[in-house]
Amino acid sequence: MNESIVLLLTDIIMPDTNGPELAEKAKKLFPLINLLFMLGYTEEAIVNIDMLESGVNYIQKPISLNALNRELRIYLMAKIFR
């Protein structure tokens, strides 16, 4: 497979699956993929229900398109220059 995905931006809670499960499947197909989760709950609430490990990258919803664009650029630049 010549194509690669550099970033998976996914919600934490979705119908029929969840973000961590989707991320696990994506990592199997694209081991170098970067993960960024979106959540509408506090990090503590998600950690308390075992949906998100502490220290995982996420952005808090609601988020405007301009803010999302800014956050994605910051996130990807940090990944490139680490």
PDB file of N, CA and C in Angstrom:
ATOM      1  N   MET A   1       0.842  -1.164   0.000  1.00  0.00           N
ATOM      2  CA  MET A   1       0.000   0.000   0.000  1.00  0.00           C
ATOM      3  C   MET A   1       0.894   1.236   0.000  1.00  0.00           C
ATOM      4  N   ASN A   2       0.790   2.059  -1.028  1.00  0.00           N
ATOM      5  CA  ASN A   2       1.617   3.248  -1.161  1.00  0.00           C
ATOM      6  C   ASN A   2       1.018   4.459  -0.469  1.00  0.00           C
ATOM      7  N   GLU A   3      -0.262   4.449  -0.253  1.00  0.00           N
ATOM      8  CA  GLU A   3      -0.916   5.579   0.376  1.00  0.00           C
ATOM      9  C   GLU A   3      -0.731   5.509   1.883  1.00  0.00           C
ATOM     10  N   SER A   4      -0.679   6.673   2.494  1.00  0.00           N
ATOM     11  CA  SER A   4      -0.603   6.689   3.943  1.00  0.00           C
ATOM     12  C   SER A   4      -1.492   7.804   4.476  1.00  0.00           C
ATOM     13  N   ILE A   5      -1.925   7.631   5.677  1.00  0.00           N
ATOM     14  CA  ILE A   5      -2.730   8.632   6.372  1.00  0.00           C
ATOM     15  C   ILE A   5      -1.847   9.164   7.484  1.00  0.00           C
ATOM     16  N   VAL A   6      -1.703  10.472   7.558  1.00  0.00           N
ATOM     17  CA  VAL A   6      -0.807  11.050   8.563  1.00  0.00           C
ATOM     18  C   VAL A   6      -1.522  11.423   9.852  1.00  0.00           C
ATOM     19  N   LEU A   7      -2.837  11.616   9.779  1.00  0.00           N
ATOM     20  CA  LEU A   7      -3.557  12.042  10.974  1.00  0.00           C
ATOM     21  C   LEU A   7      -4.963  11.462  10.978  1.00  0.00           C
ATOM     22  N   LEU A   8      -5.352  10.922  12.118  1.00  0.00           N
ATOM     23  CA  LEU A   8      -6.730  10.506  12.347  1.00  0.00           C
ATOM     24  C   LEU A   8      -7.302  11.449  13.398  1.00  0.00           C
ATOM     25  N   LEU A   9      -8.279  12.228  13.011  1.00  0.00           N
ATOM     26  CA  LEU A   9      -9.018  13.100  13.924  1.00  0.00           C
ATOM     27  C   LEU A   9     -10.373  12.454  14.119  1.00  0.00           C
ATOM     28  N   THR A  10     -10.641  12.004  15.329  1.00  0.00           N
ATOM     29  CA  THR A  10     -11.886  11.288  15.575  1.00  0.00           C
ATOM     30  C   THR A  10     -12.488  11.685  16.905  1.00  0.00           C
ATOM     31  N   ASP A  11     -13.785  11.585  16.979  1.00  0.00           N
ATOM     32  CA  ASP A  11     -14.484  11.830  18.226  1.00  0.00           C
ATOM     33  C   ASP A  11     -14.236  10.645  19.158  1.00  0.00           C
ATOM     34  N   ILE A  12     -14.386  10.862  20.437  1.00  0.00           N
ATOM     35  CA  ILE A  12     -14.217   9.790  21.414  1.00  0.00           C
ATOM     36  C   ILE A  12     -15.428   8.867  21.425  1.00  0.00           C
ATOM     37  N   ILE A  13     -16.611   9.463  21.450  1.00  0.00           N
ATOM     38  CA  ILE A  13     -17.837   8.663  21.551  1.00  0.00           C
ATOM     39  C   ILE A  13     -18.606   8.786  20.243  1.00  0.00           C
ATOM     40  N   MET A  14     -18.881   7.612  19.624  1.00  0.00           N
ATOM     41  CA  MET A  14     -19.597   7.553  18.356  1.00  0.00           C
ATOM     42  C   MET A  14     -20.543   6.365  18.387  1.00  0.00           C
ATOM     43  N   PRO A  15     -21.542   6.377  17.522  1.00  0.00           N
ATOM     44  CA  PRO A  15     -22.428   5.207  17.443  1.00  0.00           C
ATOM     45  C   PRO A  15     -21.656   3.983  16.940  1.00  0.00           C
ATOM     46  N   ASP A  16     -21.883   2.855  17.529  1.00  0.00           N
ATOM     47  CA  ASP A  16     -21.347   1.564  17.090  1.00  0.00           C
ATOM     48  C   ASP A  16     -19.853   1.351  17.339  1.00  0.00           C
ATOM     49  N   THR A  17     -19.129   2.367  17.762  1.00  0.00           N
ATOM     50  CA  THR A  17     -17.706   2.217  18.077  1.00  0.00           C
ATOM     51  C   THR A  17     -17.296   3.389  18.953  1.00  0.00           C
ATOM     52  N   ASN A  18     -16.001   3.506  19.197  1.00  0.00           N
ATOM     53  CA  ASN A  18     -15.506   4.692  19.889  1.00  0.00           C
ATOM     54  C   ASN A  18     -14.140   5.048  19.310  1.00  0.00           C
ATOM     55  N   GLY A  19     -13.677   6.231  19.632  1.00  0.00           N
ATOM     56  CA  GLY A  19     -12.423   6.719  19.070  1.00  0.00           C
ATOM     57  C   GLY A  19     -11.227   5.824  19.326  1.00  0.00           C
ATOM     58  N   PRO A  20     -11.021   5.372  20.569  1.00  0.00           N
ATOM     59  CA  PRO A  20      -9.878   4.495  20.823  1.00  0.00           C
ATOM     60  C   PRO A  20      -9.918   3.186  20.012  1.00  0.00           C
ATOM     61  N   GLU A  21     -11.106   2.608  19.835  1.00  0.00           N
ATOM     62  CA  GLU A  21     -11.212   1.383  19.030  1.00  0.00           C
ATOM     63  C   GLU A  21     -10.871   1.677  17.568  1.00  0.00           C
ATOM     64  N   LEU A  22     -11.381   2.790  17.050  1.00  0.00           N
ATOM     65  CA  LEU A  22     -11.076   3.183  15.679  1.00  0.00           C
ATOM     66  C   LEU A  22      -9.588   3.456  15.528  1.00  0.00           C
ATOM     67  N   ALA A  23      -8.991   4.123  16.505  1.00  0.00           N
ATOM     68  CA  ALA A  23      -7.559   4.424  16.465  1.00  0.00           C
ATOM     69  C   ALA A  23      -6.725   3.145  16.463  1.00  0.00           C
ATOM     70  N   GLU A  24      -7.127   2.167  17.246  1.00  0.00           N
ATOM     71  CA  GLU A  24      -6.408   0.890  17.287  1.00  0.00           C
ATOM     72  C   GLU A  24      -6.420   0.217  15.921  1.00  0.00           C
ATOM     73  N   LYS A  25      -7.571   0.231  15.258  1.00  0.00           N
ATOM     74  CA  LYS A  25      -7.671  -0.354  13.916  1.00  0.00           C
ATOM     75  C   LYS A  25      -6.827   0.416  12.915  1.00  0.00           C
ATOM     76  N   ALA A  26      -6.851   1.743  13.016  1.00  0.00           N
ATOM     77  CA  ALA A  26      -6.065   2.580  12.097  1.00  0.00           C
ATOM     78  C   ALA A  26      -4.574   2.347  12.289  1.00  0.00           C
ATOM     79  N   LYS A  27      -4.128   2.189  13.545  1.00  0.00           N
ATOM     80  CA  LYS A  27      -2.708   1.951  13.835  1.00  0.00           C
ATOM     81  C   LYS A  27      -2.217   0.640  13.213  1.00  0.00           C
ATOM     82  N   LYS A  28      -3.097  -0.343  13.123  1.00  0.00           N
ATOM     83  CA  LYS A  28      -2.715  -1.614  12.504  1.00  0.00           C
ATOM     84  C   LYS A  28      -2.466  -1.440  11.007  1.00  0.00           C
ATOM     85  N   LEU A  29      -3.247  -0.576  10.371  1.00  0.00           N
ATOM     86  CA  LEU A  29      -3.091  -0.334   8.940  1.00  0.00           C
ATOM     87  C   LEU A  29      -2.007   0.688   8.636  1.00  0.00           C
ATOM     88  N   PHE A  30      -1.885   1.690   9.504  1.00  0.00           N
ATOM     89  CA  PHE A  30      -0.945   2.784   9.308  1.00  0.00           C
ATOM     90  C   PHE A  30      -0.179   3.019  10.614  1.00  0.00           C
ATOM     91  N   PRO A  31       0.863   2.253  10.869  1.00  0.00           N
ATOM     92  CA  PRO A  31       1.560   2.306  12.159  1.00  0.00           C
ATOM     93  C   PRO A  31       2.096   3.683  12.544  1.00  0.00           C
ATOM     94  N   LEU A  32       2.384   4.542  11.574  1.00  0.00           N
ATOM     95  CA  LEU A  32       2.944   5.856  11.880  1.00  0.00           C
ATOM     96  C   LEU A  32       1.889   6.953  11.997  1.00  0.00           C
ATOM     97  N   ILE A  33       0.625   6.586  11.940  1.00  0.00           N
ATOM     98  CA  ILE A  33      -0.447   7.572  11.979  1.00  0.00           C
ATOM     99  C   ILE A  33      -0.427   8.337  13.310  1.00  0.00           C
ATOM    100  N   ASN A  34      -0.714   9.626  13.228  1.00  0.00           N
ATOM    101  CA  ASN A  34      -0.861  10.464  14.409  1.00  0.00           C
ATOM    102  C   ASN A  34      -2.326  10.479  14.800  1.00  0.00           C
ATOM    103  N   LEU A  35      -2.591  10.521  16.082  1.00  0.00           N
ATOM    104  CA  LEU A  35      -3.959  10.470  16.577  1.00  0.00           C
ATOM    105  C   LEU A  35      -4.299  11.751  17.319  1.00  0.00           C
ATOM    106  N   LEU A  36      -5.467  12.282  17.013  1.00  0.00           N
ATOM    107  CA  LEU A  36      -5.985  13.449  17.719  1.00  0.00           C
ATOM    108  C   LEU A  36      -7.471  13.215  17.939  1.00  0.00           C
ATOM    109  N   PHE A  37      -7.862  13.230  19.193  1.00  0.00           N
ATOM    110  CA  PHE A  37      -9.253  12.972  19.544  1.00  0.00           C
ATOM    111  C   PHE A  37      -9.989  14.277  19.826  1.00  0.00           C
ATOM    112  N   MET A  38     -11.288  14.275  19.553  1.00  0.00           N
ATOM    113  CA  MET A  38     -12.155  15.379  19.922  1.00  0.00           C
ATOM    114  C   MET A  38     -13.078  14.879  21.025  1.00  0.00           C
ATOM    115  N   LEU A  39     -13.314  15.719  22.003  1.00  0.00           N
ATOM    116  CA  LEU A  39     -14.245  15.302  23.037  1.00  0.00           C
ATOM    117  C   LEU A  39     -15.074  16.461  23.548  1.00  0.00           C
ATOM    118  N   GLY A  40     -16.292  16.141  23.887  1.00  0.00           N
ATOM    119  CA  GLY A  40     -17.212  17.116  24.424  1.00  0.00           C
ATOM    120  C   GLY A  40     -17.363  16.984  25.926  1.00  0.00           C
ATOM    121  N   TYR A  41     -16.619  16.077  26.509  1.00  0.00           N
ATOM    122  CA  TYR A  41     -16.623  15.857  27.955  1.00  0.00           C
ATOM    123  C   TYR A  41     -15.280  16.321  28.508  1.00  0.00           C
ATOM    124  N   THR A  42     -15.191  16.454  29.805  1.00  0.00           N
ATOM    125  CA  THR A  42     -13.893  16.773  30.395  1.00  0.00           C
ATOM    126  C   THR A  42     -12.989  15.556  30.276  1.00  0.00           C
ATOM    127  N   GLU A  43     -11.680  15.798  30.265  1.00  0.00           N
ATOM    128  CA  GLU A  43     -10.732  14.688  30.187  1.00  0.00           C
ATOM    129  C   GLU A  43     -10.935  13.744  31.367  1.00  0.00           C
ATOM    130  N   GLU A  44     -11.202  14.297  32.540  1.00  0.00           N
ATOM    131  CA  GLU A  44     -11.390  13.469  33.729  1.00  0.00           C
ATOM    132  C   GLU A  44     -12.593  12.532  33.576  1.00  0.00           C
ATOM    133  N   ALA A  45     -13.674  13.018  32.991  1.00  0.00           N
ATOM    134  CA  ALA A  45     -14.866  12.185  32.793  1.00  0.00           C
ATOM    135  C   ALA A  45     -14.567  11.033  31.848  1.00  0.00           C
ATOM    136  N   ILE A  46     -13.823  11.304  30.785  1.00  0.00           N
ATOM    137  CA  ILE A  46     -13.499  10.269  29.814  1.00  0.00           C
ATOM    138  C   ILE A  46     -12.544   9.246  30.422  1.00  0.00           C
ATOM    139  N   VAL A  47     -11.526   9.713  31.151  1.00  0.00           N
ATOM    140  CA  VAL A  47     -10.579   8.796  31.793  1.00  0.00           C
ATOM    141  C   VAL A  47     -11.311   7.923  32.805  1.00  0.00           C
ATOM    142  N   ASN A  48     -12.263   8.514  33.534  1.00  0.00           N
ATOM    143  CA  ASN A  48     -13.002   7.763  34.549  1.00  0.00           C
ATOM    144  C   ASN A  48     -13.844   6.638  33.965  1.00  0.00           C
ATOM    145  N   ILE A  49     -14.239   6.751  32.704  1.00  0.00           N
ATOM    146  CA  ILE A  49     -15.000   5.658  32.089  1.00  0.00           C
ATOM    147  C   ILE A  49     -14.113   4.841  31.144  1.00  0.00           C
ATOM    148  N   ASP A  50     -12.802   4.976  31.291  1.00  0.00           N
ATOM    149  CA  ASP A  50     -11.819   4.185  30.533  1.00  0.00           C
ATOM    150  C   ASP A  50     -11.939   4.348  29.019  1.00  0.00           C
ATOM    151  N   MET A  51     -12.238   5.552  28.562  1.00  0.00           N
ATOM    152  CA  MET A  51     -12.322   5.792  27.132  1.00  0.00           C
ATOM    153  C   MET A  51     -11.051   6.431  26.574  1.00  0.00           C
ATOM    154  N   LEU A  52     -10.283   7.092  27.424  1.00  0.00           N
ATOM    155  CA  LEU A  52      -9.121   7.831  26.947  1.00  0.00           C
ATOM    156  C   LEU A  52      -8.029   7.754  27.990  1.00  0.00           C
ATOM    157  N   GLU A  53      -6.861   7.320  27.577  1.00  0.00           N
ATOM    158  CA  GLU A  53      -5.740   7.263  28.500  1.00  0.00           C
ATOM    159  C   GLU A  53      -5.275   8.678  28.818  1.00  0.00           C
ATOM    160  N   SER A  54      -4.807   8.872  30.013  1.00  0.00           N
ATOM    161  CA  SER A  54      -4.264  10.166  30.397  1.00  0.00           C
ATOM    162  C   SER A  54      -3.058  10.489  29.520  1.00  0.00           C
ATOM    163  N   GLY A  55      -2.951  11.734  29.097  1.00  0.00           N
ATOM    164  CA  GLY A  55      -1.823  12.148  28.272  1.00  0.00           C
ATOM    165  C   GLY A  55      -2.054  12.034  26.779  1.00  0.00           C
ATOM    166  N   VAL A  56      -3.202  11.535  26.348  1.00  0.00           N
ATOM    167  CA  VAL A  56      -3.509  11.411  24.925  1.00  0.00           C
ATOM    168  C   VAL A  56      -3.868  12.793  24.379  1.00  0.00           C
ATOM    169  N   ASN A  57      -3.512  13.058  23.131  1.00  0.00           N
ATOM    170  CA  ASN A  57      -3.799  14.350  22.513  1.00  0.00           C
ATOM    171  C   ASN A  57      -5.275  14.468  22.162  1.00  0.00           C
ATOM    172  N   TYR A  58      -5.864  15.600  22.555  1.00  0.00           N
ATOM    173  CA  TYR A  58      -7.271  15.825  22.244  1.00  0.00           C
ATOM    174  C   TYR A  58      -7.550  17.313  22.140  1.00  0.00           C
ATOM    175  N   ILE A  59      -8.664  17.631  21.485  1.00  0.00           N
ATOM    176  CA  ILE A  59      -9.177  18.987  21.468  1.00  0.00           C
ATOM    177  C   ILE A  59     -10.587  18.947  22.026  1.00  0.00           C
ATOM    178  N   GLN A  60     -10.927  19.995  22.723  1.00  0.00           N
ATOM    179  CA  GLN A  60     -12.218  20.080  23.403  1.00  0.00           C
ATOM    180  C   GLN A  60     -13.273  20.672  22.463  1.00  0.00           C
ATOM    181  N   LYS A  61     -14.448  20.049  22.391  1.00  0.00           N
ATOM    182  CA  LYS A  61     -15.568  20.585  21.622  1.00  0.00           C
ATOM    183  C   LYS A  61     -16.414  21.460  22.536  1.00  0.00           C
ATOM    184  N   PRO A  62     -17.173  22.372  22.015  1.00  0.00           N
ATOM    185  CA  PRO A  62     -17.280  22.737  20.590  1.00  0.00           C
ATOM    186  C   PRO A  62     -16.051  23.531  20.151  1.00  0.00           C
ATOM    187  N   ILE A  63     -15.765  23.426  18.867  1.00  0.00           N
ATOM    188  CA  ILE A  63     -14.598  24.110  18.316  1.00  0.00           C
ATOM    189  C   ILE A  63     -14.976  24.685  16.954  1.00  0.00           C
ATOM    190  N   SER A  64     -14.618  25.932  16.728  1.00  0.00           N
ATOM    191  CA  SER A  64     -14.919  26.578  15.448  1.00  0.00           C
ATOM    192  C   SER A  64     -13.964  26.052  14.378  1.00  0.00           C
ATOM    193  N   LEU A  65     -14.296  26.286  13.122  1.00  0.00           N
ATOM    194  CA  LEU A  65     -13.419  25.845  12.036  1.00  0.00           C
ATOM    195  C   LEU A  65     -12.065  26.541  12.107  1.00  0.00           C
ATOM    196  N   ASN A  66     -12.059  27.827  12.452  1.00  0.00           N
ATOM    197  CA  ASN A  66     -10.784  28.537  12.574  1.00  0.00           C
ATOM    198  C   ASN A  66      -9.948  27.960  13.703  1.00  0.00           C
ATOM    199  N   ALA A  67     -10.569  27.680  14.832  1.00  0.00           N
ATOM    200  CA  ALA A  67      -9.839  27.097  15.961  1.00  0.00           C
ATOM    201  C   ALA A  67      -9.354  25.690  15.616  1.00  0.00           C
ATOM    202  N   LEU A  68     -10.177  24.914  14.919  1.00  0.00           N
ATOM    203  CA  LEU A  68      -9.770  23.569  14.509  1.00  0.00           C
ATOM    204  C   LEU A  68      -8.564  23.647  13.581  1.00  0.00           C
ATOM    205  N   ASN A  69      -8.610  24.550  12.619  1.00  0.00           N
ATOM    206  CA  ASN A  69      -7.492  24.745  11.698  1.00  0.00           C
ATOM    207  C   ASN A  69      -6.215  25.090  12.471  1.00  0.00           C
ATOM    208  N   ARG A  70      -6.317  26.011  13.416  1.00  0.00           N
ATOM    209  CA  ARG A  70      -5.170  26.417  14.226  1.00  0.00           C
ATOM    210  C   ARG A  70      -4.632  25.236  15.044  1.00  0.00           C
ATOM    211  N   GLU A  71      -5.527  24.499  15.693  1.00  0.00           N
ATOM    212  CA  GLU A  71      -5.116  23.359  16.523  1.00  0.00           C
ATOM    213  C   GLU A  71      -4.449  22.268  15.694  1.00  0.00           C
ATOM    214  N   LEU A  72      -4.983  22.003  14.514  1.00  0.00           N
ATOM    215  CA  LEU A  72      -4.386  20.988  13.651  1.00  0.00           C
ATOM    216  C   LEU A  72      -2.992  21.404  13.186  1.00  0.00           C
ATOM    217  N   ARG A  73      -2.829  22.675  12.823  1.00  0.00           N
ATOM    218  CA  ARG A  73      -1.499  23.153  12.415  1.00  0.00           C
ATOM    219  C   ARG A  73      -0.506  23.043  13.560  1.00  0.00           C
ATOM    220  N   ILE A  74      -0.912  23.464  14.747  1.00  0.00           N
ATOM    221  CA  ILE A  74      -0.034  23.383  15.924  1.00  0.00           C
ATOM    222  C   ILE A  74       0.332  21.929  16.203  1.00  0.00           C
ATOM    223  N   TYR A  75      -0.667  21.065  16.187  1.00  0.00           N
ATOM    224  CA  TYR A  75      -0.448  19.645  16.471  1.00  0.00           C
ATOM    225  C   TYR A  75       0.502  19.020  15.456  1.00  0.00           C
ATOM    226  N   LEU A  76       0.244  19.237  14.175  1.00  0.00           N
ATOM    227  CA  LEU A  76       1.074  18.630  13.144  1.00  0.00           C
ATOM    228  C   LEU A  76       2.492  19.201  13.138  1.00  0.00           C
ATOM    229  N   MET A  77       2.633  20.490  13.383  1.00  0.00           N
ATOM    230  CA  MET A  77       3.973  21.083  13.442  1.00  0.00           C
ATOM    231  C   MET A  77       4.758  20.501  14.619  1.00  0.00           C
ATOM    232  N   ALA A  78       4.100  20.292  15.735  1.00  0.00           N
ATOM    233  CA  ALA A  78       4.763  19.692  16.887  1.00  0.00           C
ATOM    234  C   ALA A  78       5.221  18.267  16.560  1.00  0.00           C
ATOM    235  N   LYS A  79       4.421  17.535  15.801  1.00  0.00           N
ATOM    236  CA  LYS A  79       4.793  16.168  15.407  1.00  0.00           C
ATOM    237  C   LYS A  79       5.964  16.173  14.429  1.00  0.00           C
ATOM    238  N   ILE A  80       5.996  17.137  13.525  1.00  0.00           N
ATOM    239  CA  ILE A  80       7.061  17.207  12.517  1.00  0.00           C
ATOM    240  C   ILE A  80       8.404  17.549  13.177  1.00  0.00           C
ATOM    241  N   PHE A  81       8.386  18.473  14.121  1.00  0.00           N
ATOM    242  CA  PHE A  81       9.632  18.984  14.698  1.00  0.00           C
ATOM    243  C   PHE A  81       9.979  18.383  16.051  1.00  0.00           C
ATOM    244  N   ARG A  82       9.412  17.243  16.388  1.00  0.00           N
ATOM    245  CA  ARG A  82       9.771  16.623  17.674  1.00  0.00           C
ATOM    246  C   ARG A  82      11.025  15.830  17.563  1.00  0.00           C
TER     247      ARG A  82
END
